[in-house]
Amino acid sequence: GGTTYYADSVKGRFTISRDNAENTVYLQMNSL
C-alpha cells in the first residue's frame, strides 16, 4: 500500500518506491 520504513542511518536521504504492475522496487539514494 506504500507505507515505508527507513533505518535511522538513511532516513531523510533514501527513498524507496515500488511499481507493483512492473514487479519493480526502487531505492533513490541521495547525499551518499
PDB file of all heavy atoms in Angstrom:
ATOM      1  N   GLY A   1       0.787  -1.225   0.000  1.00  0.00           N
ATOM      2  CA  GLY A   1       0.000   0.000   0.000  1.00  0.00           C
ATOM      3  C   GLY A   1       0.817   1.271   0.000  1.00  0.00           C
ATOM      4  O   GLY A   1       0.256   2.372  -0.072  1.00  0.00           O
ATOM      5  N   GLY A   2       2.132   1.121   0.103  1.00  0.00           N
ATOM      6  CA  GLY A   2       3.004   2.287   0.013  1.00  0.00           C
ATOM      7  C   GLY A   2       3.533   2.827   1.327  1.00  0.00           C
ATOM      8  O   GLY A   2       4.244   3.837   1.336  1.00  0.00           O
ATOM      9  N   THR A   3       3.227   2.180   2.431  1.00  0.00           N
ATOM     10  CA  THR A   3       3.791   2.617   3.711  1.00  0.00           C
ATOM     11  C   THR A   3       5.268   2.244   3.759  1.00  0.00           C
ATOM     12  O   THR A   3       5.633   1.123   3.418  1.00  0.00           O
ATOM     13  CB  THR A   3       3.048   1.961   4.874  1.00  0.00           C
ATOM     14  OG1 THR A   3       1.670   2.312   4.807  1.00  0.00           O
ATOM     15  CG2 THR A   3       3.617   2.426   6.215  1.00  0.00           C
ATOM     16  N   THR A   4       6.089   3.189   4.194  1.00  0.00           N
ATOM     17  CA  THR A   4       7.538   2.979   4.158  1.00  0.00           C
ATOM     18  C   THR A   4       8.155   2.958   5.550  1.00  0.00           C
ATOM     19  O   THR A   4       7.604   3.494   6.521  1.00  0.00           O
ATOM     20  CB  THR A   4       8.217   4.085   3.340  1.00  0.00           C
ATOM     21  OG1 THR A   4       7.874   5.358   3.899  1.00  0.00           O
ATOM     22  CG2 THR A   4       7.780   4.039   1.885  1.00  0.00           C
ATOM     23  N   TYR A   5       9.316   2.327   5.605  1.00  0.00           N
ATOM     24  CA  TYR A   5      10.160   2.303   6.805  1.00  0.00           C
ATOM     25  C   TYR A   5      11.590   2.587   6.362  1.00  0.00           C
ATOM     26  O   TYR A   5      12.027   2.120   5.295  1.00  0.00           O
ATOM     27  CB  TYR A   5      10.105   0.933   7.479  1.00  0.00           C
ATOM     28  CG  TYR A   5      11.338   0.644   8.315  1.00  0.00           C
ATOM     29  CD1 TYR A   5      11.455   1.115   9.615  1.00  0.00           C
ATOM     30  CD2 TYR A   5      12.414  -0.057   7.766  1.00  0.00           C
ATOM     31  CE1 TYR A   5      12.611   0.886  10.361  1.00  0.00           C
ATOM     32  CE2 TYR A   5      13.572  -0.299   8.505  1.00  0.00           C
ATOM     33  CZ  TYR A   5      13.658   0.182   9.802  1.00  0.00           C
ATOM     34  OH  TYR A   5      14.800  -0.043  10.532  1.00  0.00           O
ATOM     35  N   TYR A   6      12.324   3.342   7.170  1.00  0.00           N
ATOM     36  CA  TYR A   6      13.734   3.609   6.893  1.00  0.00           C
ATOM     37  C   TYR A   6      14.554   3.420   8.159  1.00  0.00           C
ATOM     38  O   TYR A   6      14.130   3.823   9.245  1.00  0.00           O
ATOM     39  CB  TYR A   6      13.918   5.045   6.402  1.00  0.00           C
ATOM     40  CG  TYR A   6      13.221   5.335   5.093  1.00  0.00           C
ATOM     41  CD1 TYR A   6      11.962   5.924   5.073  1.00  0.00           C
ATOM     42  CD2 TYR A   6      13.814   4.993   3.880  1.00  0.00           C
ATOM     43  CE1 TYR A   6      11.302   6.173   3.877  1.00  0.00           C
ATOM     44  CE2 TYR A   6      13.167   5.243   2.678  1.00  0.00           C
ATOM     45  CZ  TYR A   6      11.917   5.823   2.686  1.00  0.00           C
ATOM     46  OH  TYR A   6      11.266   6.061   1.499  1.00  0.00           O
ATOM     47  N   ALA A   7      15.710   2.820   7.993  1.00  0.00           N
ATOM     48  CA  ALA A   7      16.656   2.768   9.088  1.00  0.00           C
ATOM     49  C   ALA A   7      17.124   4.181   9.409  1.00  0.00           C
ATOM     50  O   ALA A   7      17.177   5.048   8.530  1.00  0.00           O
ATOM     51  CB  ALA A   7      17.852   1.903   8.705  1.00  0.00           C
ATOM     52  N   ASP A   8      17.451   4.409  10.654  1.00  0.00           N
ATOM     53  CA  ASP A   8      17.865   5.756  11.068  1.00  0.00           C
ATOM     54  C   ASP A   8      19.060   6.261  10.260  1.00  0.00           C
ATOM     55  O   ASP A   8      19.174   7.451   9.986  1.00  0.00           O
ATOM     56  CB  ASP A   8      18.220   5.755  12.562  1.00  0.00           C
ATOM     57  CG  ASP A   8      16.996   5.654  13.444  1.00  0.00           C
ATOM     58  OD1 ASP A   8      15.874   5.889  12.962  1.00  0.00           O
ATOM     59  OD2 ASP A   8      17.163   5.325  14.637  1.00  0.00           O
ATOM     60  N   SER A   9      19.922   5.353   9.860  1.00  0.00           N
ATOM     61  CA  SER A   9      21.143   5.747   9.157  1.00  0.00           C
ATOM     62  C   SER A   9      20.878   6.317   7.770  1.00  0.00           C
ATOM     63  O   SER A   9      21.738   7.000   7.207  1.00  0.00           O
ATOM     64  CB  SER A   9      22.088   4.552   9.049  1.00  0.00           C
ATOM     65  OG  SER A   9      21.467   3.473   8.383  1.00  0.00           O
ATOM     66  N   VAL A  10      19.700   6.049   7.197  1.00  0.00           N
ATOM     67  CA  VAL A  10      19.420   6.524   5.842  1.00  0.00           C
ATOM     68  C   VAL A  10      18.210   7.447   5.784  1.00  0.00           C
ATOM     69  O   VAL A  10      17.900   8.003   4.729  1.00  0.00           O
ATOM     70  CB  VAL A  10      19.200   5.337   4.877  1.00  0.00           C
ATOM     71  CG1 VAL A  10      20.385   4.370   4.939  1.00  0.00           C
ATOM     72  CG2 VAL A  10      17.901   4.620   5.137  1.00  0.00           C
ATOM     73  N   LYS A  11      17.546   7.633   6.902  1.00  0.00           N
ATOM     74  CA  LYS A  11      16.327   8.441   6.928  1.00  0.00           C
ATOM     75  C   LYS A  11      16.615   9.856   6.455  1.00  0.00           C
ATOM     76  O   LYS A  11      17.595  10.490   6.869  1.00  0.00           O
ATOM     77  CB  LYS A  11      15.762   8.449   8.356  1.00  0.00           C
ATOM     78  CG  LYS A  11      14.302   8.804   8.476  1.00  0.00           C
ATOM     79  CD  LYS A  11      13.815   8.604   9.904  1.00  0.00           C
ATOM     80  CE  LYS A  11      13.792   7.147  10.287  1.00  0.00           C
ATOM     81  NZ  LYS A  11      13.245   6.928  11.649  1.00  0.00           N
ATOM     82  N   GLY A  12      15.760  10.344   5.558  1.00  0.00           N
ATOM     83  CA  GLY A  12      15.934  11.684   5.025  1.00  0.00           C
ATOM     84  C   GLY A  12      16.831  11.744   3.801  1.00  0.00           C
ATOM     85  O   GLY A  12      16.917  12.784   3.140  1.00  0.00           O
ATOM     86  N   ARG A  13      17.525  10.644   3.496  1.00  0.00           N
ATOM     87  CA  ARG A  13      18.431  10.625   2.342  1.00  0.00           C
ATOM     88  C   ARG A  13      17.991   9.614   1.287  1.00  0.00           C
ATOM     89  O   ARG A  13      18.223   9.824   0.100  1.00  0.00           O
ATOM     90  CB  ARG A  13      19.847  10.278   2.796  1.00  0.00           C
ATOM     91  CG  ARG A  13      20.428  11.253   3.809  1.00  0.00           C
ATOM     92  CD  ARG A  13      21.913  10.950   4.083  1.00  0.00           C
ATOM     93  NE  ARG A  13      22.106   9.632   4.683  1.00  0.00           N
ATOM     94  CZ  ARG A  13      22.846   8.673   4.129  1.00  0.00           C
ATOM     95  NH1 ARG A  13      23.451   8.872   2.972  1.00  0.00           N
ATOM     96  NH2 ARG A  13      22.992   7.494   4.747  1.00  0.00           N
ATOM     97  N   PHE A  14      17.409   8.516   1.710  1.00  0.00           N
ATOM     98  CA  PHE A  14      16.979   7.457   0.794  1.00  0.00           C
ATOM     99  C   PHE A  14      15.456   7.466   0.677  1.00  0.00           C
ATOM    100  O   PHE A  14      14.742   7.768   1.640  1.00  0.00           O
ATOM    101  CB  PHE A  14      17.410   6.086   1.311  1.00  0.00           C
ATOM    102  CG  PHE A  14      18.887   5.804   1.258  1.00  0.00           C
ATOM    103  CD1 PHE A  14      19.822   6.802   1.003  1.00  0.00           C
ATOM    104  CD2 PHE A  14      19.359   4.518   1.479  1.00  0.00           C
ATOM    105  CE1 PHE A  14      21.184   6.531   0.967  1.00  0.00           C
ATOM    106  CE2 PHE A  14      20.702   4.227   1.447  1.00  0.00           C
ATOM    107  CZ  PHE A  14      21.615   5.231   1.194  1.00  0.00           C
ATOM    108  N   THR A  15      14.975   7.097  -0.511  1.00  0.00           N
ATOM    109  CA  THR A  15      13.544   6.970  -0.745  1.00  0.00           C
ATOM    110  C   THR A  15      13.265   5.661  -1.465  1.00  0.00           C
ATOM    111  O   THR A  15      13.822   5.410  -2.540  1.00  0.00           O
ATOM    112  CB  THR A  15      13.004   8.134  -1.578  1.00  0.00           C
ATOM    113  OG1 THR A  15      13.291   9.375  -0.925  1.00  0.00           O
ATOM    114  CG2 THR A  15      11.496   8.019  -1.760  1.00  0.00           C
ATOM    115  N   ILE A  16      12.400   4.848  -0.890  1.00  0.00           N
ATOM    116  CA  ILE A  16      12.017   3.586  -1.511  1.00  0.00           C
ATOM    117  C   ILE A  16      10.665   3.759  -2.185  1.00  0.00           C
ATOM    118  O   ILE A  16       9.792   4.474  -1.688  1.00  0.00           O
ATOM    119  CB  ILE A  16      11.978   2.437  -0.468  1.00  0.00           C
ATOM    120  CG1 ILE A  16      11.773   1.084  -1.144  1.00  0.00           C
ATOM    121  CG2 ILE A  16      10.921   2.703   0.597  1.00  0.00           C
ATOM    122  CD1 ILE A  16      11.956  -0.106  -0.203  1.00  0.00           C
ATOM    123  N   SER A  17      10.511   3.122  -3.343  1.00  0.00           N
ATOM    124  CA  SER A  17       9.238   3.154  -4.053  1.00  0.00           C
ATOM    125  C   SER A  17       9.060   1.819  -4.775  1.00  0.00           C
ATOM    126  O   SER A  17      10.007   1.034  -4.896  1.00  0.00           O
ATOM    127  CB  SER A  17       9.189   4.324  -5.036  1.00  0.00           C
ATOM    128  OG  SER A  17      10.226   4.240  -5.987  1.00  0.00           O
ATOM    129  N   ARG A  18       7.854   1.580  -5.230  1.00  0.00           N
ATOM    130  CA  ARG A  18       7.597   0.317  -5.902  1.00  0.00           C
ATOM    131  C   ARG A  18       6.580   0.504  -7.010  1.00  0.00           C
ATOM    132  O   ARG A  18       5.730   1.393  -6.948  1.00  0.00           O
ATOM    133  CB  ARG A  18       7.107  -0.740  -4.907  1.00  0.00           C
ATOM    134  CG  ARG A  18       5.754  -0.445  -4.279  1.00  0.00           C
ATOM    135  CD  ARG A  18       5.471  -1.360  -3.097  1.00  0.00           C
ATOM    136  NE  ARG A  18       5.270  -2.748  -3.507  1.00  0.00           N
ATOM    137  CZ  ARG A  18       5.269  -3.785  -2.665  1.00  0.00           C
ATOM    138  NH1 ARG A  18       5.493  -3.591  -1.376  1.00  0.00           N
ATOM    139  NH2 ARG A  18       5.056  -5.009  -3.104  1.00  0.00           N
ATOM    140  N   ASP A  19       6.686  -0.343  -8.016  1.00  0.00           N
ATOM    141  CA  ASP A  19       5.724  -0.407  -9.112  1.00  0.00           C
ATOM    142  C   ASP A  19       5.247  -1.848  -9.171  1.00  0.00           C
ATOM    143  O   ASP A  19       5.906  -2.712  -9.733  1.00  0.00           O
ATOM    144  CB  ASP A  19       6.393   0.014 -10.421  1.00  0.00           C
ATOM    145  CG  ASP A  19       5.402   0.074 -11.577  1.00  0.00           C
ATOM    146  OD1 ASP A  19       4.377  -0.628 -11.544  1.00  0.00           O
ATOM    147  OD2 ASP A  19       5.673   0.819 -12.523  1.00  0.00           O
ATOM    148  N   ASN A  20       4.102  -2.098  -8.551  1.00  0.00           N
ATOM    149  CA  ASN A  20       3.611  -3.479  -8.469  1.00  0.00           C
ATOM    150  C   ASN A  20       3.310  -4.060  -9.841  1.00  0.00           C
ATOM    151  O   ASN A  20       3.539  -5.248 -10.089  1.00  0.00           O
ATOM    152  CB  ASN A  20       2.356  -3.544  -7.592  1.00  0.00           C
ATOM    153  CG  ASN A  20       2.648  -3.233  -6.143  1.00  0.00           C
ATOM    154  OD1 ASN A  20       3.771  -3.364  -5.673  1.00  0.00           O
ATOM    155  ND2 ASN A  20       1.636  -2.796  -5.416  1.00  0.00           N
ATOM    156  N   ALA A  21       2.802  -3.243 -10.731  1.00  0.00           N
ATOM    157  CA  ALA A  21       2.453  -3.739 -12.059  1.00  0.00           C
ATOM    158  C   ALA A  21       3.682  -4.193 -12.833  1.00  0.00           C
ATOM    159  O   ALA A  21       3.608  -5.116 -13.650  1.00  0.00           O
ATOM    160  CB  ALA A  21       1.715  -2.657 -12.837  1.00  0.00           C
ATOM    161  N   GLU A  22       4.811  -3.521 -12.564  1.00  0.00           N
ATOM    162  CA  GLU A  22       6.050  -3.856 -13.265  1.00  0.00           C
ATOM    163  C   GLU A  22       6.971  -4.752 -12.441  1.00  0.00           C
ATOM    164  O   GLU A  22       8.088  -5.035 -12.867  1.00  0.00           O
ATOM    165  CB  GLU A  22       6.794  -2.569 -13.634  1.00  0.00           C
ATOM    166  CG  GLU A  22       6.041  -1.678 -14.614  1.00  0.00           C
ATOM    167  CD  GLU A  22       5.856  -2.350 -15.963  1.00  0.00           C
ATOM    168  OE1 GLU A  22       6.761  -3.114 -16.388  1.00  0.00           O
ATOM    169  OE2 GLU A  22       4.814  -2.115 -16.596  1.00  0.00           O
ATOM    170  N   ASN A  23       6.490  -5.202 -11.257  1.00  0.00           N
ATOM    171  CA  ASN A  23       7.325  -6.051 -10.391  1.00  0.00           C
ATOM    172  C   ASN A  23       8.694  -5.426 -10.149  1.00  0.00           C
ATOM    173  O   ASN A  23       9.731  -6.071 -10.331  1.00  0.00           O
ATOM    174  CB  ASN A  23       7.499  -7.448 -11.000  1.00  0.00           C
ATOM    175  CG  ASN A  23       6.237  -8.269 -10.903  1.00  0.00           C
ATOM    176  OD1 ASN A  23       5.280  -7.900 -10.239  1.00  0.00           O
ATOM    177  ND2 ASN A  23       6.239  -9.400 -11.584  1.00  0.00           N
ATOM    178  N   THR A  24       8.690  -4.164  -9.752  1.00  0.00           N
ATOM    179  CA  THR A  24       9.952  -3.445  -9.572  1.00  0.00           C
ATOM    180  C   THR A  24       9.916  -2.625  -8.283  1.00  0.00           C
ATOM    181  O   THR A  24       8.883  -2.048  -7.943  1.00  0.00           O
ATOM    182  CB  THR A  24      10.223  -2.509 -10.761  1.00  0.00           C
ATOM    183  OG1 THR A  24      10.163  -3.254 -11.976  1.00  0.00           O
ATOM    184  CG2 THR A  24      11.602  -1.869 -10.642  1.00  0.00           C
ATOM    185  N   VAL A  25      11.048  -2.622  -7.610  1.00  0.00           N
ATOM    186  CA  VAL A  25      11.231  -1.786  -6.428  1.00  0.00           C
ATOM    187  C   VAL A  25      12.447  -0.904  -6.663  1.00  0.00           C
ATOM    188  O   VAL A  25      13.454  -1.364  -7.227  1.00  0.00           O
ATOM    189  CB  VAL A  25      11.448  -2.644  -5.163  1.00  0.00           C
ATOM    190  CG1 VAL A  25      11.651  -1.759  -3.938  1.00  0.00           C
ATOM    191  CG2 VAL A  25      10.256  -3.552  -4.931  1.00  0.00           C
ATOM    192  N   TYR A  26      12.374   0.336  -6.238  1.00  0.00           N
ATOM    193  CA  TYR A  26      13.460   1.294  -6.448  1.00  0.00           C
ATOM    194  C   TYR A  26      13.978   1.805  -5.110  1.00  0.00           C
ATOM    195  O   TYR A  26      13.265   1.820  -4.108  1.00  0.00           O
ATOM    196  CB  TYR A  26      12.961   2.490  -7.266  1.00  0.00           C
ATOM    197  CG  TYR A  26      12.356   2.111  -8.593  1.00  0.00           C
ATOM    198  CD1 TYR A  26      10.982   2.010  -8.745  1.00  0.00           C
ATOM    199  CD2 TYR A  26      13.168   1.883  -9.705  1.00  0.00           C
ATOM    200  CE1 TYR A  26      10.419   1.669  -9.959  1.00  0.00           C
ATOM    201  CE2 TYR A  26      12.612   1.542 -10.922  1.00  0.00           C
ATOM    202  CZ  TYR A  26      11.239   1.440 -11.045  1.00  0.00           C
ATOM    203  OH  TYR A  26      10.704   1.098 -12.251  1.00  0.00           O
ATOM    204  N   LEU A  27      15.226   2.248  -5.143  1.00  0.00           N
ATOM    205  CA  LEU A  27      15.800   2.935  -3.990  1.00  0.00           C
ATOM    206  C   LEU A  27      16.565   4.142  -4.509  1.00  0.00           C
ATOM    207  O   LEU A  27      17.619   3.993  -5.135  1.00  0.00           O
ATOM    208  CB  LEU A  27      16.722   2.017  -3.183  1.00  0.00           C
ATOM    209  CG  LEU A  27      17.225   2.619  -1.869  1.00  0.00           C
ATOM    210  CD1 LEU A  27      16.079   2.788  -0.881  1.00  0.00           C
ATOM    211  CD2 LEU A  27      18.332   1.763  -1.251  1.00  0.00           C
ATOM    212  N   GLN A  28      16.017   5.311  -4.272  1.00  0.00           N
ATOM    213  CA  GLN A  28      16.696   6.559  -4.625  1.00  0.00           C
ATOM    214  C   GLN A  28      17.581   6.942  -3.449  1.00  0.00           C
ATOM    215  O   GLN A  28      17.093   7.110  -2.322  1.00  0.00           O
ATOM    216  CB  GLN A  28      15.680   7.666  -4.902  1.00  0.00           C
ATOM    217  CG  GLN A  28      16.305   9.008  -5.206  1.00  0.00           C
ATOM    218  CD  GLN A  28      17.071   9.008  -6.512  1.00  0.00           C
ATOM    219  OE1 GLN A  28      16.612   8.470  -7.514  1.00  0.00           O
ATOM    220  NE2 GLN A  28      18.253   9.622  -6.520  1.00  0.00           N
ATOM    221  N   MET A  29      18.871   7.051  -3.715  1.00  0.00           N
ATOM    222  CA  MET A  29      19.836   7.359  -2.667  1.00  0.00           C
ATOM    223  C   MET A  29      20.483   8.698  -2.938  1.00  0.00           C
ATOM    224  O   MET A  29      21.162   8.859  -3.962  1.00  0.00           O
ATOM    225  CB  MET A  29      20.895   6.247  -2.584  1.00  0.00           C
ATOM    226  CG  MET A  29      20.313   4.854  -2.431  1.00  0.00           C
ATOM    227  SD  MET A  29      21.551   3.590  -2.127  1.00  0.00           S
ATOM    228  CE  MET A  29      22.455   3.674  -3.650  1.00  0.00           C
ATOM    229  N   ASN A  30      20.270   9.641  -2.065  1.00  0.00           N
ATOM    230  CA  ASN A  30      20.838  10.984  -2.183  1.00  0.00           C
ATOM    231  C   ASN A  30      21.794  11.252  -1.026  1.00  0.00           C
ATOM    232  O   ASN A  30      21.774  10.547  -0.012  1.00  0.00           O
ATOM    233  CB  ASN A  30      19.730  12.029  -2.194  1.00  0.00           C
ATOM    234  CG  ASN A  30      18.773  11.877  -3.352  1.00  0.00           C
ATOM    235  OD1 ASN A  30      19.144  11.438  -4.440  1.00  0.00           O
ATOM    236  ND2 ASN A  30      17.524  12.240  -3.129  1.00  0.00           N
ATOM    237  N   SER A  31      22.607  12.268  -1.178  1.00  0.00           N
ATOM    238  CA  SER A  31      23.556  12.675  -0.130  1.00  0.00           C
ATOM    239  C   SER A  31      24.339  11.471   0.381  1.00  0.00           C
ATOM    240  O   SER A  31      24.477  11.249   1.594  1.00  0.00           O
ATOM    241  CB  SER A  31      22.811  13.348   1.027  1.00  0.00           C
ATOM    242  OG  SER A  31      22.084  14.467   0.577  1.00  0.00           O
ATOM    243  N   LEU A  32      24.866  10.713  -0.547  1.00  0.00           N
ATOM    244  CA  LEU A  32      25.552   9.482  -0.172  1.00  0.00           C
ATOM    245  C   LEU A  32      26.811   9.767   0.629  1.00  0.00           C
ATOM    246  O   LEU A  32      27.508  10.766   0.411  1.00  0.00           O
ATOM    247  CB  LEU A  32      25.884   8.670  -1.416  1.00  0.00           C
ATOM    248  CG  LEU A  32      24.676   7.905  -1.991  1.00  0.00           C
ATOM    249  CD1 LEU A  32      24.909   7.518  -3.438  1.00  0.00           C
ATOM    250  CD2 LEU A  32      24.400   6.671  -1.147  1.00  0.00           C
TER     251      LEU A  32
END
